[in-house]
C-alpha cells in the first residue's frame, strides 16, 4: 500500500507543480517548458505557431471593490471563456495574476488574430453576477507573436508581444 501511496503523492506533486490551483491551467513555469517544446517541434517540422498574451483590463478593481473571492471566481470564469475559444491542442496557461498565455500550434498571425477576435467576443458577452447585485465585465488587451517571425527562442517572446486592442 505504501508504494501506491508514494506513487499517487508523487503524481499529484508533479501535476500541481505545473498547474495553477485556482484555474487548473498550466502555470507560467509550465508555459515556458511547453513553449520550449513547441519551438523544438516547429523547428523539426518546419511550421509556424503563435503565442498570445491576454491581459485583463482593470481587474484590480474587481478585487478592490468586490473582494478576492469575487476576483477568484472572475478569473476562473474568464479562463473557462478563453478555453472555449481555443482548439483542443492549443495550450492555455495562467501567466500571472490577471494574464493568460496561449500557444497556438500551426497558427500564423492571421489565424491568431481570428482567435483574439473570438476571445474578445466571448469576453464582451461575459458578465459575472456578484452578491452586491452588480455584474463584473471583462475586457482585455491581447498581444500576439509568431514563431519564427517575431522570435526564435523562448526568452525572446516576452519582449515581442505587440499589443493589439480588439
N, C-alpha and C. Protein backbone atom coordinates (compact mmCIF):
# COMPACT_ATOMS: atom_id res chain seq x y z
N UNK A 1 0.80 -1.20 0.00
CA UNK A 1 0.00 0.00 0.00
C UNK A 1 0.84 1.26 0.00
N UNK A 2 1.98 1.24 0.69
CA UNK A 2 2.77 2.47 0.79
C UNK A 2 3.40 2.85 -0.55
N UNK A 3 3.74 1.86 -1.38
CA UNK A 3 4.31 2.16 -2.70
C UNK A 3 3.26 2.88 -3.55
N UNK A 4 2.03 2.41 -3.50
CA UNK A 4 0.94 3.05 -4.25
C UNK A 4 0.70 4.46 -3.73
N UNK A 5 0.75 4.63 -2.42
CA UNK A 5 0.53 5.96 -1.83
C UNK A 5 1.63 6.93 -2.25
N UNK A 6 2.88 6.48 -2.24
CA UNK A 6 4.00 7.32 -2.67
C UNK A 6 3.87 7.67 -4.15
N UNK A 7 3.49 6.71 -4.97
CA UNK A 7 3.30 6.93 -6.40
C UNK A 7 2.21 7.98 -6.63
N UNK A 8 1.08 7.81 -5.94
CA UNK A 8 -0.04 8.75 -6.08
C UNK A 8 0.39 10.14 -5.64
N UNK A 9 1.08 10.25 -4.52
CA UNK A 9 1.54 11.52 -3.99
C UNK A 9 2.52 12.19 -4.97
N UNK A 10 3.42 11.40 -5.54
CA UNK A 10 4.39 11.92 -6.50
C UNK A 10 3.68 12.46 -7.74
N UNK A 11 2.70 11.72 -8.24
CA UNK A 11 1.93 12.17 -9.40
C UNK A 11 1.21 13.48 -9.11
N UNK A 12 0.63 13.59 -7.93
CA UNK A 12 -0.07 14.81 -7.55
C UNK A 12 0.91 15.98 -7.45
N UNK A 13 2.09 15.74 -6.90
CA UNK A 13 3.11 16.80 -6.82
C UNK A 13 3.52 17.27 -8.21
N UNK A 14 3.73 16.32 -9.12
CA UNK A 14 4.10 16.67 -10.49
C UNK A 14 3.00 17.49 -11.14
N UNK A 15 1.76 17.10 -10.94
CA UNK A 15 0.63 17.82 -11.54
C UNK A 15 0.57 19.25 -11.00
N UNK A 16 0.59 19.41 -9.69
CA UNK A 16 0.42 20.73 -9.10
C UNK A 16 1.67 21.60 -9.22
N UNK A 17 2.79 21.03 -9.59
CA UNK A 17 3.98 21.83 -9.85
C UNK A 17 3.84 22.62 -11.14
N UNK A 18 2.97 22.16 -12.03
CA UNK A 18 2.80 22.84 -13.32
C UNK A 18 1.38 23.37 -13.52
N UNK A 19 0.53 23.26 -12.52
CA UNK A 19 -0.87 23.71 -12.64
C UNK A 19 -1.20 24.78 -11.62
N UNK A 20 -1.93 25.76 -12.05
CA UNK A 20 -2.41 26.82 -11.17
C UNK A 20 -3.60 26.28 -10.37
N UNK A 21 -3.54 26.35 -9.05
CA UNK A 21 -4.61 25.74 -8.24
C UNK A 21 -5.97 26.44 -8.39
N UNK A 22 -5.98 27.71 -8.77
CA UNK A 22 -7.24 28.43 -8.90
C UNK A 22 -7.98 28.07 -10.20
N UNK A 23 -7.26 28.10 -11.32
CA UNK A 23 -7.89 27.91 -12.63
C UNK A 23 -7.68 26.51 -13.21
N UNK A 24 -6.76 25.76 -12.63
CA UNK A 24 -6.38 24.44 -13.11
C UNK A 24 -5.68 24.50 -14.48
N UNK A 25 -5.25 25.69 -14.88
CA UNK A 25 -4.48 25.85 -16.11
C UNK A 25 -3.02 25.64 -15.81
N UNK A 26 -2.21 25.54 -16.87
CA UNK A 26 -0.76 25.48 -16.67
C UNK A 26 -0.29 26.76 -15.98
N UNK A 27 0.77 26.65 -15.21
CA UNK A 27 1.38 27.82 -14.59
C UNK A 27 2.33 28.48 -15.59
N UNK A 28 2.89 29.61 -15.19
CA UNK A 28 3.88 30.27 -16.04
C UNK A 28 5.07 29.34 -16.28
N UNK A 29 5.48 28.64 -15.25
CA UNK A 29 6.60 27.70 -15.39
C UNK A 29 6.27 26.61 -16.43
N UNK A 30 5.07 26.07 -16.33
CA UNK A 30 4.64 25.06 -17.30
C UNK A 30 4.56 25.63 -18.70
N UNK A 31 4.10 26.87 -18.81
CA UNK A 31 4.01 27.53 -20.11
C UNK A 31 5.38 27.61 -20.77
N UNK A 32 6.41 28.05 -20.02
CA UNK A 32 7.75 28.20 -20.61
C UNK A 32 8.32 26.85 -21.04
N UNK A 33 8.05 25.81 -20.27
CA UNK A 33 8.51 24.47 -20.65
C UNK A 33 7.81 24.01 -21.93
N UNK A 34 6.51 24.23 -22.03
CA UNK A 34 5.77 23.83 -23.22
C UNK A 34 6.15 24.69 -24.43
N UNK A 35 6.49 25.94 -24.19
CA UNK A 35 6.94 26.80 -25.28
C UNK A 35 8.26 26.30 -25.86
N UNK A 36 9.18 25.92 -24.98
CA UNK A 36 10.46 25.34 -25.43
C UNK A 36 10.22 24.09 -26.28
N UNK A 37 9.32 23.27 -25.81
CA UNK A 37 8.98 22.04 -26.54
C UNK A 37 8.40 22.38 -27.91
N UNK A 38 7.49 23.36 -27.95
CA UNK A 38 6.85 23.73 -29.22
C UNK A 38 7.85 24.33 -30.20
N UNK A 39 8.81 25.08 -29.71
CA UNK A 39 9.86 25.64 -30.57
C UNK A 39 10.66 24.51 -31.21
N UNK A 40 11.04 23.53 -30.41
CA UNK A 40 11.78 22.39 -30.94
C UNK A 40 10.99 21.63 -31.98
N UNK A 41 9.72 21.42 -31.71
CA UNK A 41 8.85 20.70 -32.63
C UNK A 41 8.66 21.49 -33.93
N UNK A 42 8.47 22.79 -33.82
CA UNK A 42 8.28 23.64 -35.01
C UNK A 42 9.55 23.69 -35.84
N UNK A 43 10.71 23.71 -35.19
CA UNK A 43 11.98 23.70 -35.92
C UNK A 43 12.15 22.39 -36.69
N UNK A 44 11.83 21.28 -36.04
CA UNK A 44 11.98 19.97 -36.70
C UNK A 44 11.01 19.79 -37.86
N UNK A 45 9.80 20.27 -37.69
CA UNK A 45 8.76 20.03 -38.68
C UNK A 45 8.53 21.20 -39.64
N UNK A 46 9.16 22.33 -39.36
CA UNK A 46 9.10 23.47 -40.25
C UNK A 46 7.75 24.17 -40.33
N UNK A 47 7.15 24.46 -39.18
CA UNK A 47 5.88 25.18 -39.20
C UNK A 47 5.94 26.39 -38.27
N UNK A 48 4.98 27.28 -38.45
CA UNK A 48 4.85 28.46 -37.59
C UNK A 48 3.85 28.15 -36.48
N UNK A 49 3.99 28.89 -35.40
CA UNK A 49 2.96 28.85 -34.37
C UNK A 49 2.89 30.23 -33.73
N UNK A 50 1.76 30.51 -33.12
CA UNK A 50 1.55 31.81 -32.50
C UNK A 50 1.52 31.68 -30.98
N UNK A 51 1.93 32.74 -30.34
CA UNK A 51 1.84 32.85 -28.89
C UNK A 51 1.05 34.12 -28.60
N UNK A 52 0.11 34.01 -27.69
CA UNK A 52 -0.71 35.17 -27.33
C UNK A 52 -0.64 35.39 -25.82
N UNK A 53 -0.73 36.66 -25.44
CA UNK A 53 -0.89 37.02 -24.04
C UNK A 53 -2.18 37.82 -23.93
N UNK A 54 -3.06 37.38 -23.04
CA UNK A 54 -4.33 38.04 -22.79
C UNK A 54 -4.22 38.68 -21.40
N UNK A 55 -4.25 40.00 -21.37
CA UNK A 55 -4.12 40.75 -20.12
C UNK A 55 -5.46 41.42 -19.82
N UNK A 56 -6.08 41.02 -18.72
CA UNK A 56 -7.37 41.59 -18.36
C UNK A 56 -7.21 43.05 -17.96
N UNK A 57 -8.09 43.89 -18.48
CA UNK A 57 -8.04 45.32 -18.17
C UNK A 57 -8.77 45.59 -16.86
N UNK A 58 -8.16 46.38 -16.00
CA UNK A 58 -8.78 46.86 -14.76
C UNK A 58 -9.26 45.75 -13.83
N UNK A 59 -8.61 44.61 -13.85
CA UNK A 59 -9.02 43.51 -12.97
C UNK A 59 -8.88 43.89 -11.49
N UNK A 60 -7.89 44.70 -11.19
CA UNK A 60 -7.65 45.10 -9.80
C UNK A 60 -8.92 45.69 -9.16
N UNK A 61 -9.71 46.37 -9.96
CA UNK A 61 -10.96 46.96 -9.44
C UNK A 61 -11.92 45.89 -8.94
N UNK A 62 -11.97 44.75 -9.61
CA UNK A 62 -12.87 43.67 -9.17
C UNK A 62 -12.46 43.23 -7.77
N UNK A 63 -11.16 43.00 -7.58
CA UNK A 63 -10.67 42.60 -6.26
C UNK A 63 -10.90 43.70 -5.22
N UNK A 64 -10.56 44.95 -5.58
CA UNK A 64 -10.65 46.05 -4.62
C UNK A 64 -12.08 46.37 -4.22
N UNK A 65 -12.99 46.32 -5.17
CA UNK A 65 -14.37 46.71 -4.88
C UNK A 65 -15.20 45.54 -4.35
N UNK A 66 -15.03 44.36 -4.93
CA UNK A 66 -15.91 43.23 -4.61
C UNK A 66 -15.24 42.14 -3.79
N UNK A 67 -13.95 42.23 -3.55
CA UNK A 67 -13.25 41.27 -2.73
C UNK A 67 -12.56 40.17 -3.52
N UNK A 68 -11.65 39.48 -2.87
CA UNK A 68 -10.83 38.46 -3.53
C UNK A 68 -11.62 37.21 -3.93
N UNK A 69 -12.65 36.87 -3.19
CA UNK A 69 -13.47 35.72 -3.59
C UNK A 69 -14.14 35.98 -4.94
N UNK A 70 -14.66 37.18 -5.11
CA UNK A 70 -15.27 37.55 -6.39
C UNK A 70 -14.19 37.59 -7.48
N UNK A 71 -13.02 38.12 -7.12
CA UNK A 71 -11.92 38.16 -8.08
C UNK A 71 -11.49 36.77 -8.52
N UNK A 72 -11.42 35.84 -7.58
CA UNK A 72 -11.05 34.46 -7.91
C UNK A 72 -12.08 33.83 -8.84
N UNK A 73 -13.34 34.01 -8.53
CA UNK A 73 -14.42 33.47 -9.38
C UNK A 73 -14.36 34.09 -10.77
N UNK A 74 -14.08 35.38 -10.83
CA UNK A 74 -13.96 36.09 -12.10
C UNK A 74 -12.83 35.49 -12.94
N UNK A 75 -11.67 35.25 -12.33
CA UNK A 75 -10.53 34.66 -13.05
C UNK A 75 -10.86 33.25 -13.56
N UNK A 76 -11.56 32.47 -12.75
CA UNK A 76 -11.95 31.12 -13.16
C UNK A 76 -12.90 31.16 -14.34
N UNK A 77 -13.87 32.04 -14.29
CA UNK A 77 -14.86 32.14 -15.37
C UNK A 77 -14.24 32.67 -16.65
N UNK A 78 -13.36 33.64 -16.54
CA UNK A 78 -12.68 34.17 -17.72
C UNK A 78 -11.81 33.08 -18.35
N UNK A 79 -11.11 32.32 -17.53
CA UNK A 79 -10.29 31.21 -18.06
C UNK A 79 -11.16 30.23 -18.83
N UNK A 80 -12.33 29.92 -18.31
CA UNK A 80 -13.24 29.00 -19.00
C UNK A 80 -13.72 29.59 -20.33
N UNK A 81 -14.01 30.89 -20.35
CA UNK A 81 -14.44 31.55 -21.59
C UNK A 81 -13.33 31.51 -22.64
N UNK A 82 -12.11 31.78 -22.22
CA UNK A 82 -10.98 31.76 -23.16
C UNK A 82 -10.80 30.35 -23.71
N UNK A 83 -10.86 29.38 -22.81
CA UNK A 83 -10.66 27.98 -23.23
C UNK A 83 -11.68 27.56 -24.28
N UNK A 84 -12.91 28.04 -24.17
CA UNK A 84 -13.96 27.72 -25.14
C UNK A 84 -13.61 28.23 -26.54
N UNK A 85 -12.75 29.23 -26.63
CA UNK A 85 -12.38 29.84 -27.92
C UNK A 85 -11.21 29.12 -28.59
N UNK A 86 -10.63 28.15 -27.91
CA UNK A 86 -9.42 27.50 -28.41
C UNK A 86 -9.70 26.11 -28.95
N UNK A 87 -8.75 25.64 -29.74
CA UNK A 87 -8.81 24.26 -30.23
C UNK A 87 -8.32 23.32 -29.11
N UNK A 88 -8.61 22.06 -29.28
CA UNK A 88 -8.24 21.05 -28.28
C UNK A 88 -6.74 21.02 -28.01
N UNK A 89 -5.90 21.21 -29.05
CA UNK A 89 -4.46 21.11 -28.91
C UNK A 89 -3.79 22.43 -28.52
N UNK A 90 -4.53 23.52 -28.46
CA UNK A 90 -3.95 24.79 -28.03
C UNK A 90 -3.64 24.72 -26.54
N UNK A 91 -2.66 25.46 -26.11
CA UNK A 91 -2.21 25.40 -24.72
C UNK A 91 -2.52 26.73 -24.04
N UNK A 92 -3.29 26.67 -22.97
CA UNK A 92 -3.67 27.84 -22.20
C UNK A 92 -3.04 27.77 -20.82
N UNK A 93 -2.42 28.88 -20.42
CA UNK A 93 -1.76 28.94 -19.11
C UNK A 93 -2.16 30.23 -18.40
N UNK A 94 -2.16 30.17 -17.09
CA UNK A 94 -2.30 31.40 -16.31
C UNK A 94 -0.89 31.93 -16.14
N UNK A 95 -0.61 33.03 -16.80
CA UNK A 95 0.74 33.56 -16.87
C UNK A 95 1.08 34.38 -15.64
N UNK A 96 0.12 35.11 -15.14
CA UNK A 96 0.31 35.94 -13.96
C UNK A 96 -1.03 36.15 -13.29
N UNK A 97 -1.12 37.14 -12.43
CA UNK A 97 -2.35 37.39 -11.70
C UNK A 97 -3.58 37.47 -12.58
N UNK A 98 -3.56 38.37 -13.55
CA UNK A 98 -4.70 38.54 -14.45
C UNK A 98 -4.29 38.40 -15.92
N UNK A 99 -3.25 37.63 -16.15
CA UNK A 99 -2.75 37.41 -17.50
C UNK A 99 -2.80 35.92 -17.85
N UNK A 100 -3.15 35.66 -19.09
CA UNK A 100 -3.18 34.30 -19.61
C UNK A 100 -2.27 34.24 -20.82
N UNK A 101 -1.57 33.15 -21.01
CA UNK A 101 -0.71 32.95 -22.18
C UNK A 101 -1.24 31.74 -22.95
N UNK A 102 -1.13 31.83 -24.27
CA UNK A 102 -1.69 30.79 -25.13
C UNK A 102 -0.66 30.43 -26.20
N UNK A 103 -0.47 29.15 -26.43
CA UNK A 103 0.33 28.66 -27.55
C UNK A 103 -0.64 28.07 -28.56
N UNK A 104 -0.57 28.57 -29.79
CA UNK A 104 -1.45 28.11 -30.88
C UNK A 104 -0.60 27.40 -31.92
N UNK A 105 -0.43 26.08 -31.79
CA UNK A 105 0.38 25.34 -32.78
C UNK A 105 -0.21 25.48 -34.19
N UNK A 106 0.67 25.53 -35.16
CA UNK A 106 0.28 25.61 -36.58
C UNK A 106 -0.61 26.82 -36.88
N UNK A 107 -0.38 27.94 -36.21
CA UNK A 107 -1.16 29.15 -36.46
C UNK A 107 -0.23 30.30 -36.83
N UNK A 108 -0.60 31.04 -37.87
CA UNK A 108 0.16 32.23 -38.24
C UNK A 108 -0.51 33.45 -37.61
N UNK A 109 -0.03 34.64 -37.97
CA UNK A 109 -0.54 35.86 -37.35
C UNK A 109 -2.03 36.08 -37.67
N UNK A 110 -2.42 35.80 -38.89
CA UNK A 110 -3.82 35.99 -39.27
C UNK A 110 -4.74 35.06 -38.49
N UNK A 111 -4.34 33.81 -38.35
CA UNK A 111 -5.15 32.85 -37.59
C UNK A 111 -5.20 33.25 -36.11
N UNK A 112 -4.07 33.71 -35.57
CA UNK A 112 -4.03 34.15 -34.18
C UNK A 112 -4.94 35.36 -33.97
N UNK A 113 -4.96 36.25 -34.95
CA UNK A 113 -5.83 37.42 -34.86
C UNK A 113 -7.29 36.99 -34.80
N UNK A 114 -7.67 35.98 -35.57
CA UNK A 114 -9.04 35.47 -35.53
C UNK A 114 -9.37 34.88 -34.16
N UNK A 115 -8.41 34.19 -33.57
CA UNK A 115 -8.61 33.66 -32.22
C UNK A 115 -8.77 34.81 -31.22
N UNK A 116 -7.95 35.85 -31.38
CA UNK A 116 -8.05 37.02 -30.50
C UNK A 116 -9.44 37.67 -30.63
N UNK A 117 -9.95 37.75 -31.83
CA UNK A 117 -11.30 38.29 -32.03
C UNK A 117 -12.35 37.41 -31.36
N UNK A 118 -12.20 36.08 -31.44
CA UNK A 118 -13.13 35.17 -30.77
C UNK A 118 -13.10 35.38 -29.26
N UNK A 119 -11.88 35.50 -28.73
CA UNK A 119 -11.74 35.72 -27.28
C UNK A 119 -12.39 37.04 -26.90
N UNK A 120 -12.12 38.08 -27.67
CA UNK A 120 -12.71 39.38 -27.38
C UNK A 120 -14.24 39.32 -27.41
N UNK A 121 -14.78 38.63 -28.40
CA UNK A 121 -16.24 38.49 -28.48
C UNK A 121 -16.81 37.73 -27.29
N UNK A 122 -16.11 36.68 -26.88
CA UNK A 122 -16.56 35.90 -25.72
C UNK A 122 -16.53 36.74 -24.45
N UNK A 123 -15.50 37.56 -24.31
CA UNK A 123 -15.39 38.40 -23.12
C UNK A 123 -16.41 39.53 -23.14
N UNK A 124 -16.72 40.05 -24.33
CA UNK A 124 -17.74 41.11 -24.42
C UNK A 124 -19.10 40.58 -23.97
N UNK A 125 -19.38 39.33 -24.25
CA UNK A 125 -20.66 38.74 -23.87
C UNK A 125 -20.68 38.19 -22.45
N UNK A 126 -19.58 38.34 -21.73
CA UNK A 126 -19.44 37.76 -20.39
C UNK A 126 -19.70 38.80 -19.31
N UNK A 127 -20.43 38.40 -18.30
CA UNK A 127 -20.51 39.20 -17.08
C UNK A 127 -20.75 38.25 -15.92
N UNK A 128 -20.09 38.53 -14.82
CA UNK A 128 -20.21 37.69 -13.63
C UNK A 128 -21.14 38.36 -12.63
N UNK A 129 -22.29 37.75 -12.33
CA UNK A 129 -23.19 38.32 -11.31
C UNK A 129 -22.51 38.27 -9.94
N UNK A 130 -22.57 39.37 -9.22
CA UNK A 130 -21.94 39.47 -7.91
C UNK A 130 -23.01 39.54 -6.82
N UNK A 131 -22.61 39.25 -5.61
CA UNK A 131 -23.54 39.24 -4.47
C UNK A 131 -24.18 40.61 -4.25
N UNK A 132 -23.50 41.67 -4.65
CA UNK A 132 -24.00 43.03 -4.46
C UNK A 132 -25.10 43.38 -5.45
N UNK A 133 -25.34 42.50 -6.42
CA UNK A 133 -26.32 42.79 -7.45
C UNK A 133 -25.69 43.38 -8.70
N UNK A 134 -24.44 43.76 -8.59
CA UNK A 134 -23.71 44.28 -9.75
C UNK A 134 -23.21 43.12 -10.60
N UNK A 135 -22.68 43.47 -11.76
CA UNK A 135 -22.05 42.48 -12.63
C UNK A 135 -20.66 42.95 -12.98
N UNK A 136 -19.70 42.02 -12.92
CA UNK A 136 -18.32 42.34 -13.34
C UNK A 136 -18.17 41.92 -14.79
N UNK A 137 -17.69 42.86 -15.61
CA UNK A 137 -17.49 42.58 -17.03
C UNK A 137 -15.99 42.53 -17.30
N UNK A 138 -15.64 41.87 -18.40
CA UNK A 138 -14.22 41.69 -18.72
C UNK A 138 -13.89 42.31 -20.08
N UNK A 139 -12.79 43.03 -20.10
CA UNK A 139 -12.16 43.45 -21.36
C UNK A 139 -10.70 43.08 -21.23
N UNK A 140 -10.03 42.97 -22.37
CA UNK A 140 -8.64 42.52 -22.32
C UNK A 140 -7.82 43.18 -23.42
N UNK A 141 -6.54 43.29 -23.17
CA UNK A 141 -5.56 43.65 -24.19
C UNK A 141 -4.87 42.35 -24.58
N UNK A 142 -4.68 42.17 -25.88
CA UNK A 142 -4.13 40.90 -26.36
C UNK A 142 -2.90 41.17 -27.21
N UNK A 143 -1.83 40.47 -26.88
CA UNK A 143 -0.60 40.56 -27.67
C UNK A 143 -0.37 39.27 -28.42
N UNK A 144 0.16 39.39 -29.64
CA UNK A 144 0.40 38.22 -30.48
C UNK A 144 1.83 38.26 -31.00
N UNK A 145 2.50 37.12 -30.96
CA UNK A 145 3.82 36.97 -31.59
C UNK A 145 3.82 35.62 -32.30
N UNK A 146 4.56 35.55 -33.41
CA UNK A 146 4.59 34.33 -34.22
C UNK A 146 6.03 33.83 -34.32
N UNK A 147 6.18 32.52 -34.14
CA UNK A 147 7.46 31.85 -34.34
C UNK A 147 7.53 31.39 -35.78
N UNK A 148 8.58 31.62 -36.50
CA UNK A 148 9.84 32.27 -36.15
C UNK A 148 9.91 33.74 -36.54
N UNK A 149 8.78 34.34 -36.97
CA UNK A 149 8.79 35.71 -37.47
C UNK A 149 9.22 36.73 -36.42
N UNK A 150 8.72 36.61 -35.19
CA UNK A 150 8.99 37.61 -34.16
C UNK A 150 10.01 37.16 -33.12
N UNK A 151 10.24 35.89 -33.02
CA UNK A 151 11.19 35.36 -32.04
C UNK A 151 11.61 33.96 -32.44
N UNK A 152 12.88 33.64 -32.17
CA UNK A 152 13.39 32.30 -32.49
C UNK A 152 13.67 31.47 -31.24
N UNK A 153 13.71 32.13 -30.08
CA UNK A 153 13.95 31.43 -28.82
C UNK A 153 12.86 31.82 -27.82
N UNK A 154 12.62 30.96 -26.88
CA UNK A 154 11.55 31.20 -25.90
C UNK A 154 11.74 32.52 -25.17
N UNK A 155 12.95 32.82 -24.74
CA UNK A 155 13.19 34.04 -23.96
C UNK A 155 12.90 35.30 -24.76
N UNK A 156 12.97 35.21 -26.10
CA UNK A 156 12.71 36.37 -26.94
C UNK A 156 11.23 36.72 -27.01
N UNK A 157 10.35 35.78 -26.69
CA UNK A 157 8.92 36.04 -26.80
C UNK A 157 8.44 37.09 -25.81
N UNK A 158 9.02 37.11 -24.62
CA UNK A 158 8.49 38.02 -23.58
C UNK A 158 8.59 39.48 -23.98
N UNK A 159 9.53 39.83 -24.84
CA UNK A 159 9.69 41.23 -25.27
C UNK A 159 9.04 41.50 -26.62
N UNK A 160 8.42 40.51 -27.23
CA UNK A 160 7.97 40.64 -28.62
C UNK A 160 6.46 40.66 -28.80
N UNK A 161 5.69 40.95 -27.77
CA UNK A 161 4.25 40.90 -27.93
C UNK A 161 3.70 42.28 -28.29
N UNK A 162 3.48 42.51 -29.60
CA UNK A 162 2.82 43.78 -29.95
C UNK A 162 1.38 43.69 -29.46
N UNK A 163 0.96 44.64 -28.64
CA UNK A 163 -0.39 44.60 -28.10
C UNK A 163 -1.37 45.10 -29.13
N UNK A 164 -2.42 44.36 -29.30
CA UNK A 164 -3.49 44.79 -30.19
C UNK A 164 -4.75 44.97 -29.35
N UNK A 165 -5.49 45.99 -29.62
CA UNK A 165 -6.76 46.18 -28.94
C UNK A 165 -7.87 45.83 -29.91
N UNK A 166 -8.70 44.92 -29.50
CA UNK A 166 -9.79 44.50 -30.38
C UNK A 166 -11.09 44.83 -29.69
